[in-house]
Amino acid sequence: MNKENSTLSPLTISLHWLVGLTMIGVIVIGYYMVYWDVGPLYPIHKALGVLALFIILPRVIWRLKKGFPVPASDYPKHEHQLSVIVHWLLLLGTLALPISGMLYSGFGGYGINIFGFELVTRNELNGEVIAFNETIYYSAKLSHSWIAYILTGALVLHIIGAIKHHVVDQDNTLRRMLGYKEI
């Protein structure tokens, strides 16, 4: 393998971990607030989701410009195909999840607020939230939920794959994503 193509840039590594850890945090908060009905977490979840979009966009642009990293080793065709699918799901899912959340919240009349800075005003009448557009609201709400499940599955597969590369294959995949030089 060409050594030059297998080394990851500091920007690639930084964006990977920043987006990955941010999305894991936002998704965990999202599941927690929905399943345990913790209302005070909604503004935090929404604010972090909007802020996440500002680090996701550069990552998506960078990935589309540079392409996906060259595999650290040769793998069976089915593993490579699964890897490509998972990487595309992660890339598109991290972009689609905050966008669907913003559409869900904005068109649902709930507003979009980042830690006190109002981007879209809440739409209320007599204390009741009124959707600006019910079709977009319900479509975005359903999409947001499904994208979260799909992205969670892709994240789990990605983490399992990284562990497999490190423990079973004993290759440099995880080491290079942690910033270590090839050995």
N, C-alpha and C. Protein backbone atom coordinates (compact mmCIF):
# COMPACT_ATOMS: atom_id res chain seq x y z
N MET A 1 0.84 -1.18 0.00
CA MET A 1 0.00 0.00 0.00
C MET A 1 0.89 1.24 0.00
N ASN A 2 0.42 2.26 -0.67
CA ASN A 2 1.13 3.53 -0.71
C ASN A 2 1.04 4.20 0.66
N LYS A 3 2.19 4.40 1.29
CA LYS A 3 2.27 4.97 2.63
C LYS A 3 1.61 6.36 2.68
N GLU A 4 1.82 7.14 1.62
CA GLU A 4 1.29 8.51 1.58
C GLU A 4 -0.24 8.51 1.65
N ASN A 5 -0.89 7.57 0.97
CA ASN A 5 -2.34 7.51 0.95
C ASN A 5 -2.93 6.94 2.23
N SER A 6 -2.13 6.24 3.02
CA SER A 6 -2.67 5.59 4.21
C SER A 6 -2.55 6.45 5.46
N THR A 7 -1.81 7.54 5.41
CA THR A 7 -1.66 8.42 6.56
C THR A 7 -2.81 9.43 6.57
N LEU A 8 -3.42 9.62 7.71
CA LEU A 8 -4.53 10.55 7.82
C LEU A 8 -4.04 11.91 8.29
N SER A 9 -4.62 12.96 7.74
CA SER A 9 -4.23 14.32 8.12
C SER A 9 -4.77 14.65 9.51
N PRO A 10 -4.13 15.59 10.19
CA PRO A 10 -4.65 16.02 11.49
C PRO A 10 -6.09 16.56 11.39
N LEU A 11 -6.42 17.21 10.27
CA LEU A 11 -7.78 17.73 10.10
C LEU A 11 -8.78 16.57 9.99
N THR A 12 -8.43 15.55 9.23
CA THR A 12 -9.30 14.37 9.09
C THR A 12 -9.55 13.73 10.45
N ILE A 13 -8.49 13.54 11.21
CA ILE A 13 -8.60 12.92 12.53
C ILE A 13 -9.42 13.79 13.48
N SER A 14 -9.15 15.09 13.50
CA SER A 14 -9.87 16.00 14.39
C SER A 14 -11.36 16.05 14.06
N LEU A 15 -11.69 16.18 12.78
CA LEU A 15 -13.10 16.24 12.39
C LEU A 15 -13.81 14.92 12.70
N HIS A 16 -13.12 13.80 12.49
CA HIS A 16 -13.70 12.49 12.78
C HIS A 16 -14.13 12.41 14.25
N TRP A 17 -13.20 12.71 15.15
CA TRP A 17 -13.49 12.57 16.58
C TRP A 17 -14.45 13.65 17.08
N LEU A 18 -14.32 14.86 16.59
CA LEU A 18 -15.20 15.94 17.02
C LEU A 18 -16.65 15.65 16.62
N VAL A 19 -16.85 15.27 15.36
CA VAL A 19 -18.20 14.95 14.90
C VAL A 19 -18.70 13.67 15.58
N GLY A 20 -17.87 12.65 15.65
CA GLY A 20 -18.29 11.38 16.24
C GLY A 20 -18.72 11.51 17.68
N LEU A 21 -17.90 12.14 18.49
CA LEU A 21 -18.23 12.27 19.91
C LEU A 21 -19.42 13.21 20.13
N THR A 22 -19.49 14.28 19.33
CA THR A 22 -20.63 15.20 19.43
C THR A 22 -21.93 14.48 19.09
N MET A 23 -21.93 13.73 17.99
CA MET A 23 -23.15 13.03 17.58
C MET A 23 -23.54 11.95 18.59
N ILE A 24 -22.57 11.25 19.14
CA ILE A 24 -22.89 10.25 20.17
C ILE A 24 -23.56 10.94 21.35
N GLY A 25 -23.02 12.07 21.78
CA GLY A 25 -23.61 12.82 22.89
C GLY A 25 -25.02 13.30 22.60
N VAL A 26 -25.22 13.87 21.42
CA VAL A 26 -26.54 14.38 21.04
C VAL A 26 -27.56 13.23 20.94
N ILE A 27 -27.13 12.11 20.38
CA ILE A 27 -28.02 10.95 20.25
C ILE A 27 -28.37 10.37 21.62
N VAL A 28 -27.39 10.25 22.50
CA VAL A 28 -27.66 9.72 23.85
C VAL A 28 -28.64 10.64 24.58
N ILE A 29 -28.42 11.94 24.51
CA ILE A 29 -29.35 12.89 25.14
C ILE A 29 -30.74 12.74 24.52
N GLY A 30 -30.79 12.59 23.19
CA GLY A 30 -32.07 12.44 22.51
C GLY A 30 -32.84 11.21 22.97
N TYR A 31 -32.17 10.06 23.03
CA TYR A 31 -32.84 8.85 23.51
C TYR A 31 -33.29 9.02 24.96
N TYR A 32 -32.43 9.56 25.78
CA TYR A 32 -32.73 9.72 27.21
C TYR A 32 -33.95 10.62 27.40
N MET A 33 -33.97 11.78 26.71
CA MET A 33 -35.07 12.73 26.93
C MET A 33 -36.40 12.19 26.42
N VAL A 34 -36.36 11.40 25.34
CA VAL A 34 -37.60 10.85 24.78
C VAL A 34 -38.11 9.69 25.62
N TYR A 35 -37.25 8.75 25.94
CA TYR A 35 -37.71 7.54 26.63
C TYR A 35 -38.00 7.76 28.11
N TRP A 36 -37.38 8.74 28.72
CA TRP A 36 -37.64 9.01 30.14
C TRP A 36 -38.35 10.35 30.33
N ASP A 37 -38.84 10.91 29.23
CA ASP A 37 -39.62 12.15 29.25
C ASP A 37 -38.98 13.23 30.13
N VAL A 38 -37.75 13.57 29.79
CA VAL A 38 -37.00 14.59 30.53
C VAL A 38 -37.05 15.89 29.73
N GLY A 39 -38.11 16.64 29.92
CA GLY A 39 -38.35 17.88 29.18
C GLY A 39 -37.22 18.89 29.19
N PRO A 40 -36.55 19.12 30.33
CA PRO A 40 -35.48 20.12 30.36
C PRO A 40 -34.29 19.80 29.44
N LEU A 41 -34.18 18.56 28.97
CA LEU A 41 -33.08 18.22 28.06
C LEU A 41 -33.34 18.64 26.62
N TYR A 42 -34.59 18.90 26.25
CA TYR A 42 -34.91 19.26 24.87
C TYR A 42 -34.15 20.49 24.39
N PRO A 43 -34.12 21.59 25.14
CA PRO A 43 -33.37 22.76 24.65
C PRO A 43 -31.87 22.47 24.50
N ILE A 44 -31.32 21.66 25.39
CA ILE A 44 -29.89 21.31 25.30
C ILE A 44 -29.65 20.45 24.07
N HIS A 45 -30.52 19.45 23.87
CA HIS A 45 -30.41 18.56 22.71
C HIS A 45 -30.50 19.37 21.41
N LYS A 46 -31.47 20.27 21.33
CA LYS A 46 -31.65 21.05 20.11
C LYS A 46 -30.47 22.00 19.88
N ALA A 47 -30.00 22.64 20.92
CA ALA A 47 -28.88 23.57 20.77
C ALA A 47 -27.61 22.84 20.33
N LEU A 48 -27.33 21.70 20.96
CA LEU A 48 -26.16 20.92 20.57
C LEU A 48 -26.29 20.37 19.15
N GLY A 49 -27.51 20.00 18.76
CA GLY A 49 -27.75 19.52 17.40
C GLY A 49 -27.47 20.59 16.35
N VAL A 50 -27.93 21.80 16.62
CA VAL A 50 -27.68 22.92 15.69
C VAL A 50 -26.19 23.23 15.64
N LEU A 51 -25.54 23.29 16.80
CA LEU A 51 -24.10 23.55 16.83
C LEU A 51 -23.33 22.43 16.14
N ALA A 52 -23.80 21.19 16.29
CA ALA A 52 -23.13 20.05 15.64
C ALA A 52 -23.12 20.23 14.13
N LEU A 53 -24.19 20.79 13.59
CA LEU A 53 -24.26 20.99 12.14
C LEU A 53 -23.10 21.85 11.64
N PHE A 54 -22.66 22.79 12.45
CA PHE A 54 -21.57 23.67 12.04
C PHE A 54 -20.21 22.97 12.02
N ILE A 55 -20.09 21.83 12.69
CA ILE A 55 -18.85 21.05 12.56
C ILE A 55 -19.03 19.88 11.59
N ILE A 56 -20.29 19.50 11.37
CA ILE A 56 -20.57 18.42 10.42
C ILE A 56 -20.38 18.90 8.99
N LEU A 57 -20.83 20.10 8.69
CA LEU A 57 -20.71 20.61 7.32
C LEU A 57 -19.27 20.61 6.82
N PRO A 58 -18.31 21.14 7.59
CA PRO A 58 -16.92 21.07 7.11
C PRO A 58 -16.43 19.63 6.93
N ARG A 59 -16.87 18.73 7.80
CA ARG A 59 -16.45 17.33 7.67
C ARG A 59 -17.00 16.71 6.38
N VAL A 60 -18.26 16.96 6.09
CA VAL A 60 -18.87 16.41 4.87
C VAL A 60 -18.18 16.98 3.64
N ILE A 61 -17.95 18.28 3.64
CA ILE A 61 -17.25 18.91 2.51
C ILE A 61 -15.86 18.33 2.35
N TRP A 62 -15.13 18.20 3.46
CA TRP A 62 -13.78 17.63 3.44
C TRP A 62 -13.78 16.20 2.91
N ARG A 63 -14.74 15.40 3.39
CA ARG A 63 -14.81 14.01 2.97
C ARG A 63 -15.15 13.89 1.49
N LEU A 64 -16.08 14.71 1.01
CA LEU A 64 -16.45 14.66 -0.40
C LEU A 64 -15.31 15.15 -1.29
N LYS A 65 -14.54 16.10 -0.78
CA LYS A 65 -13.40 16.63 -1.54
C LYS A 65 -12.24 15.63 -1.56
N LYS A 66 -11.93 15.04 -0.42
CA LYS A 66 -10.76 14.16 -0.27
C LYS A 66 -11.06 12.68 -0.51
N GLY A 67 -12.33 12.30 -0.44
CA GLY A 67 -12.68 10.88 -0.55
C GLY A 67 -12.48 10.19 0.79
N PHE A 68 -12.87 8.93 0.84
CA PHE A 68 -12.71 8.15 2.06
C PHE A 68 -11.28 7.66 2.16
N PRO A 69 -10.78 7.46 3.38
CA PRO A 69 -9.41 6.97 3.55
C PRO A 69 -9.20 5.60 2.89
N VAL A 70 -7.99 5.39 2.43
CA VAL A 70 -7.61 4.10 1.86
C VAL A 70 -7.57 3.09 3.01
N PRO A 71 -8.14 1.89 2.83
CA PRO A 71 -8.09 0.89 3.90
C PRO A 71 -6.65 0.59 4.32
N ALA A 72 -6.47 0.30 5.60
CA ALA A 72 -5.13 0.02 6.13
C ALA A 72 -4.58 -1.31 5.63
N SER A 73 -5.46 -2.22 5.25
CA SER A 73 -5.06 -3.54 4.74
C SER A 73 -6.06 -3.98 3.69
N ASP A 74 -5.76 -5.10 3.04
CA ASP A 74 -6.71 -5.69 2.10
C ASP A 74 -7.71 -6.53 2.89
N TYR A 75 -8.97 -6.42 2.52
CA TYR A 75 -10.03 -7.14 3.22
C TYR A 75 -10.88 -7.89 2.21
N PRO A 76 -11.62 -8.89 2.67
CA PRO A 76 -12.56 -9.57 1.77
C PRO A 76 -13.56 -8.56 1.20
N LYS A 77 -14.06 -8.85 0.01
CA LYS A 77 -14.95 -7.94 -0.70
C LYS A 77 -16.17 -7.56 0.14
N HIS A 78 -16.78 -8.52 0.83
CA HIS A 78 -17.98 -8.23 1.62
C HIS A 78 -17.68 -7.27 2.78
N GLU A 79 -16.51 -7.37 3.38
CA GLU A 79 -16.13 -6.44 4.46
C GLU A 79 -15.93 -5.04 3.90
N HIS A 80 -15.30 -4.95 2.75
CA HIS A 80 -15.09 -3.64 2.13
C HIS A 80 -16.43 -3.00 1.76
N GLN A 81 -17.34 -3.79 1.20
CA GLN A 81 -18.65 -3.27 0.82
C GLN A 81 -19.43 -2.79 2.05
N LEU A 82 -19.39 -3.57 3.13
CA LEU A 82 -20.06 -3.16 4.36
C LEU A 82 -19.44 -1.87 4.89
N SER A 83 -18.13 -1.77 4.83
CA SER A 83 -17.43 -0.57 5.28
C SER A 83 -17.88 0.66 4.49
N VAL A 84 -17.98 0.52 3.18
CA VAL A 84 -18.40 1.64 2.33
C VAL A 84 -19.83 2.06 2.69
N ILE A 85 -20.72 1.10 2.86
CA ILE A 85 -22.11 1.40 3.23
C ILE A 85 -22.17 2.12 4.58
N VAL A 86 -21.45 1.60 5.57
CA VAL A 86 -21.46 2.20 6.91
C VAL A 86 -20.88 3.61 6.87
N HIS A 87 -19.80 3.81 6.15
CA HIS A 87 -19.21 5.15 6.07
C HIS A 87 -20.15 6.16 5.40
N TRP A 88 -20.85 5.73 4.35
CA TRP A 88 -21.82 6.62 3.72
C TRP A 88 -23.00 6.90 4.64
N LEU A 89 -23.47 5.88 5.37
CA LEU A 89 -24.56 6.10 6.33
C LEU A 89 -24.14 7.10 7.41
N LEU A 90 -22.91 6.97 7.88
CA LEU A 90 -22.41 7.90 8.90
C LEU A 90 -22.32 9.32 8.34
N LEU A 91 -21.77 9.45 7.15
CA LEU A 91 -21.59 10.77 6.56
C LEU A 91 -22.94 11.44 6.31
N LEU A 92 -23.84 10.74 5.65
CA LEU A 92 -25.15 11.32 5.33
C LEU A 92 -26.03 11.44 6.57
N GLY A 93 -25.95 10.46 7.46
CA GLY A 93 -26.75 10.50 8.68
C GLY A 93 -26.39 11.64 9.61
N THR A 94 -25.08 11.92 9.74
CA THR A 94 -24.68 13.03 10.61
C THR A 94 -25.13 14.37 10.04
N LEU A 95 -25.31 14.43 8.75
CA LEU A 95 -25.81 15.66 8.13
C LEU A 95 -27.34 15.73 8.21
N ALA A 96 -27.99 14.61 7.91
CA ALA A 96 -29.46 14.59 7.87
C ALA A 96 -30.11 14.70 9.24
N LEU A 97 -29.47 14.16 10.28
CA LEU A 97 -30.10 14.16 11.60
C LEU A 97 -30.32 15.58 12.14
N PRO A 98 -29.31 16.45 12.17
CA PRO A 98 -29.58 17.81 12.67
C PRO A 98 -30.50 18.62 11.75
N ILE A 99 -30.40 18.38 10.44
CA ILE A 99 -31.28 19.11 9.52
C ILE A 99 -32.74 18.70 9.76
N SER A 100 -32.99 17.40 9.88
CA SER A 100 -34.37 16.94 10.14
C SER A 100 -34.86 17.44 11.49
N GLY A 101 -33.96 17.50 12.47
CA GLY A 101 -34.34 18.02 13.78
C GLY A 101 -34.71 19.49 13.74
N MET A 102 -33.96 20.26 12.97
CA MET A 102 -34.27 21.68 12.84
C MET A 102 -35.60 21.88 12.11
N LEU A 103 -35.85 21.09 11.07
CA LEU A 103 -37.13 21.18 10.35
C LEU A 103 -38.28 20.77 11.26
N TYR A 104 -38.08 19.71 12.02
CA TYR A 104 -39.08 19.20 12.97
C TYR A 104 -39.42 20.28 13.99
N SER A 105 -38.42 20.86 14.60
CA SER A 105 -38.64 21.85 15.64
C SER A 105 -39.16 23.17 15.07
N GLY A 106 -38.55 23.62 13.98
CA GLY A 106 -38.93 24.90 13.39
C GLY A 106 -40.34 24.89 12.82
N PHE A 107 -40.63 23.94 11.93
CA PHE A 107 -41.95 23.88 11.31
C PHE A 107 -43.01 23.37 12.27
N GLY A 108 -42.60 22.70 13.33
CA GLY A 108 -43.56 22.23 14.34
C GLY A 108 -44.02 23.34 15.26
N GLY A 109 -43.41 24.52 15.14
CA GLY A 109 -43.78 25.66 15.96
C GLY A 109 -43.03 25.74 17.28
N TYR A 110 -42.10 24.81 17.51
CA TYR A 110 -41.36 24.78 18.77
C TYR A 110 -40.21 25.78 18.81
N GLY A 111 -39.86 26.31 17.66
CA GLY A 111 -38.76 27.26 17.59
C GLY A 111 -37.41 26.57 17.61
N ILE A 112 -36.39 27.36 17.30
CA ILE A 112 -35.01 26.87 17.36
C ILE A 112 -34.23 27.89 18.16
N ASN A 113 -33.66 27.43 19.25
CA ASN A 113 -33.00 28.30 20.21
C ASN A 113 -31.66 27.68 20.58
N ILE A 114 -30.59 28.46 20.47
CA ILE A 114 -29.26 27.96 20.85
C ILE A 114 -28.83 28.68 22.12
N PHE A 115 -29.03 28.02 23.24
CA PHE A 115 -28.64 28.54 24.55
C PHE A 115 -29.05 30.01 24.74
N GLY A 116 -30.32 30.30 24.45
CA GLY A 116 -30.86 31.63 24.66
C GLY A 116 -30.90 32.50 23.42
N PHE A 117 -30.19 32.13 22.36
CA PHE A 117 -30.21 32.89 21.11
C PHE A 117 -31.25 32.27 20.19
N GLU A 118 -32.32 33.03 19.94
CA GLU A 118 -33.45 32.50 19.18
C GLU A 118 -33.23 32.64 17.68
N LEU A 119 -33.18 31.49 16.98
CA LEU A 119 -33.05 31.49 15.52
C LEU A 119 -34.42 31.48 14.85
N VAL A 120 -35.33 30.68 15.38
CA VAL A 120 -36.71 30.62 14.89
C VAL A 120 -37.61 30.74 16.11
N THR A 121 -38.53 31.69 16.04
CA THR A 121 -39.42 31.98 17.16
C THR A 121 -40.43 30.85 17.37
N ARG A 122 -40.70 30.58 18.62
CA ARG A 122 -41.72 29.60 19.00
C ARG A 122 -43.08 30.16 18.57
N ASN A 123 -43.96 29.31 18.05
CA ASN A 123 -45.27 29.74 17.56
C ASN A 123 -46.35 29.22 18.51
N GLU A 124 -46.87 30.13 19.34
CA GLU A 124 -47.86 29.74 20.35
C GLU A 124 -49.11 30.59 20.24
N LEU A 125 -50.22 29.98 20.62
CA LEU A 125 -51.47 30.71 20.75
C LEU A 125 -52.14 30.19 22.01
N ASN A 126 -52.36 31.09 22.96
CA ASN A 126 -52.95 30.72 24.26
C ASN A 126 -52.17 29.59 24.94
N GLY A 127 -50.83 29.65 24.84
CA GLY A 127 -49.97 28.67 25.49
C GLY A 127 -49.83 27.35 24.75
N GLU A 128 -50.50 27.22 23.60
CA GLU A 128 -50.42 25.98 22.82
C GLU A 128 -49.54 26.19 21.59
N VAL A 129 -48.61 25.25 21.38
CA VAL A 129 -47.71 25.33 20.23
C VAL A 129 -48.49 24.99 18.96
N ILE A 130 -48.31 25.82 17.94
CA ILE A 130 -49.00 25.62 16.67
C ILE A 130 -47.96 25.46 15.57
N ALA A 131 -48.08 24.39 14.80
CA ALA A 131 -47.14 24.12 13.71
C ALA A 131 -47.28 25.17 12.62
N PHE A 132 -46.14 25.56 12.04
CA PHE A 132 -46.16 26.46 10.89
C PHE A 132 -46.61 25.69 9.65
N ASN A 133 -46.20 24.43 9.56
CA ASN A 133 -46.57 23.58 8.43
C ASN A 133 -46.62 22.14 8.95
N GLU A 134 -47.82 21.61 9.08
CA GLU A 134 -47.97 20.28 9.68
C GLU A 134 -47.38 19.17 8.83
N THR A 135 -47.44 19.29 7.51
CA THR A 135 -46.88 18.26 6.63
C THR A 135 -45.38 18.15 6.81
N ILE A 136 -44.70 19.28 6.77
CA ILE A 136 -43.24 19.27 6.95
C ILE A 136 -42.91 18.83 8.37
N TYR A 137 -43.66 19.32 9.34
CA TYR A 137 -43.43 18.96 10.74
C TYR A 137 -43.49 17.45 10.94
N TYR A 138 -44.58 16.81 10.50
CA TYR A 138 -44.73 15.37 10.72
C TYR A 138 -43.72 14.56 9.91
N SER A 139 -43.43 15.00 8.69
CA SER A 139 -42.42 14.30 7.87
C SER A 139 -41.04 14.40 8.52
N ALA A 140 -40.70 15.60 9.00
CA ALA A 140 -39.39 15.80 9.63
C ALA A 140 -39.30 15.05 10.96
N LYS A 141 -40.40 15.02 11.70
CA LYS A 141 -40.42 14.30 12.98
C LYS A 141 -40.17 12.81 12.76
N LEU A 142 -40.87 12.22 11.78
CA LEU A 142 -40.68 10.81 11.46
C LEU A 142 -39.27 10.55 10.94
N SER A 143 -38.81 11.42 10.05
CA SER A 143 -37.45 11.28 9.49
C SER A 143 -36.39 11.37 10.59
N HIS A 144 -36.56 12.33 11.48
CA HIS A 144 -35.59 12.53 12.56
C HIS A 144 -35.47 11.27 13.42
N SER A 145 -36.60 10.66 13.71
CA SER A 145 -36.60 9.44 14.52
C SER A 145 -35.91 8.29 13.78
N TRP A 146 -36.29 8.07 12.53
CA TRP A 146 -35.70 6.97 11.76
C TRP A 146 -34.22 7.18 11.50
N ILE A 147 -33.84 8.40 11.19
CA ILE A 147 -32.41 8.69 10.95
C ILE A 147 -31.61 8.42 12.22
N ALA A 148 -32.17 8.76 13.38
CA ALA A 148 -31.47 8.50 14.65
C ALA A 148 -31.24 7.01 14.85
N TYR A 149 -32.24 6.18 14.55
CA TYR A 149 -32.08 4.73 14.69
C TYR A 149 -31.04 4.19 13.69
N ILE A 150 -31.14 4.63 12.45
CA ILE A 150 -30.20 4.17 11.42
C ILE A 150 -28.78 4.61 11.76
N LEU A 151 -28.63 5.87 12.17
CA LEU A 151 -27.31 6.38 12.52
C LEU A 151 -26.74 5.65 13.74
N THR A 152 -27.58 5.33 14.70
CA THR A 152 -27.13 4.56 15.87
C THR A 152 -26.62 3.20 15.43
N GLY A 153 -27.35 2.53 14.55
CA GLY A 153 -26.91 1.24 14.03
C GLY A 153 -25.58 1.35 13.29
N ALA A 154 -25.44 2.39 12.47
CA ALA A 154 -24.19 2.60 11.73
C ALA A 154 -23.03 2.88 12.69
N LEU A 155 -23.29 3.67 13.74
CA LEU A 155 -22.25 3.95 14.74
C LEU A 155 -21.80 2.67 15.45
N VAL A 156 -22.77 1.84 15.81
CA VAL A 156 -22.43 0.57 16.47
C VAL A 156 -21.59 -0.30 15.54
N LEU A 157 -21.99 -0.42 14.28
CA LEU A 157 -21.20 -1.20 13.31
C LEU A 157 -19.81 -0.61 13.12
N HIS A 158 -19.72 0.71 13.10
CA HIS A 158 -18.43 1.39 12.93
C HIS A 158 -17.49 1.09 14.11
N ILE A 159 -18.03 1.15 15.31
CA ILE A 159 -17.23 0.87 16.51
C ILE A 159 -16.81 -0.60 16.55
N ILE A 160 -17.74 -1.49 16.22
CA ILE A 160 -17.40 -2.92 16.16
C ILE A 160 -16.31 -3.16 15.12
N GLY A 161 -16.44 -2.49 13.96
CA GLY A 161 -15.42 -2.63 12.92
C GLY A 161 -14.06 -2.15 13.38
N ALA A 162 -14.03 -1.02 14.09
CA ALA A 162 -12.75 -0.49 14.60
C ALA A 162 -12.12 -1.47 15.59
N ILE A 163 -12.94 -2.05 16.46
CA ILE A 163 -12.42 -3.03 17.42
C ILE A 163 -11.91 -4.27 16.69
N LYS A 164 -12.66 -4.73 15.69
CA LYS A 164 -12.24 -5.89 14.91
C LYS A 164 -10.89 -5.63 14.23
N HIS A 165 -10.75 -4.45 13.62
CA HIS A 165 -9.47 -4.11 12.97
C HIS A 165 -8.33 -4.17 13.98
N HIS A 166 -8.57 -3.65 15.17
CA HIS A 166 -7.51 -3.55 16.17
C HIS A 166 -7.20 -4.90 16.83
N VAL A 167 -8.23 -5.64 17.21
CA VAL A 167 -8.03 -6.87 17.98
C VAL A 167 -7.84 -8.09 17.08
N VAL A 168 -8.69 -8.26 16.10
CA VAL A 168 -8.64 -9.47 15.26
C VAL A 168 -7.62 -9.32 14.13
N ASP A 169 -7.76 -8.25 13.33
CA ASP A 169 -6.86 -8.05 12.18
C ASP A 169 -5.49 -7.52 12.60
N GLN A 170 -5.46 -6.86 13.74
CA GLN A 170 -4.23 -6.24 14.26
C GLN A 170 -3.55 -5.37 13.20
N ASP A 171 -4.37 -4.52 12.55
CA ASP A 171 -3.83 -3.61 11.55
C ASP A 171 -3.77 -2.19 12.12
N ASN A 172 -3.46 -1.23 11.29
CA ASN A 172 -3.25 0.15 11.73
C ASN A 172 -4.50 1.03 11.66
N THR A 173 -5.65 0.47 11.35
CA THR A 173 -6.86 1.29 11.16
C THR A 173 -7.15 2.17 12.37
N LEU A 174 -7.24 1.60 13.54
CA LEU A 174 -7.55 2.38 14.74
C LEU A 174 -6.37 3.27 15.13
N ARG A 175 -5.16 2.75 15.04
CA ARG A 175 -3.98 3.54 15.42
C ARG A 175 -3.88 4.82 14.59
N ARG A 176 -4.11 4.71 13.29
CA ARG A 176 -3.97 5.91 12.45
C ARG A 176 -5.09 6.91 12.73
N MET A 177 -6.30 6.42 13.12
CA MET A 177 -7.38 7.35 13.46
C MET A 177 -7.14 7.99 14.82
N LEU A 178 -6.25 7.42 15.60
CA LEU A 178 -5.84 8.03 16.87
C LEU A 178 -4.62 8.94 16.69
N GLY A 179 -4.13 9.03 15.45
CA GLY A 179 -3.03 9.94 15.15
C GLY A 179 -1.64 9.33 15.19
N TYR A 180 -1.56 8.02 15.41
CA TYR A 180 -0.25 7.37 15.42
C TYR A 180 0.26 7.19 14.00
N LYS A 181 1.56 7.20 13.84
CA LYS A 181 2.18 6.96 12.54
C LYS A 181 2.08 5.48 12.21
N GLU A 182 2.10 5.17 10.92
CA GLU A 182 2.06 3.77 10.46
C GLU A 182 3.29 3.03 10.98
N ILE A 183 3.08 1.74 11.30
CA ILE A 183 4.22 0.91 11.72
C ILE A 183 4.38 -0.26 10.77
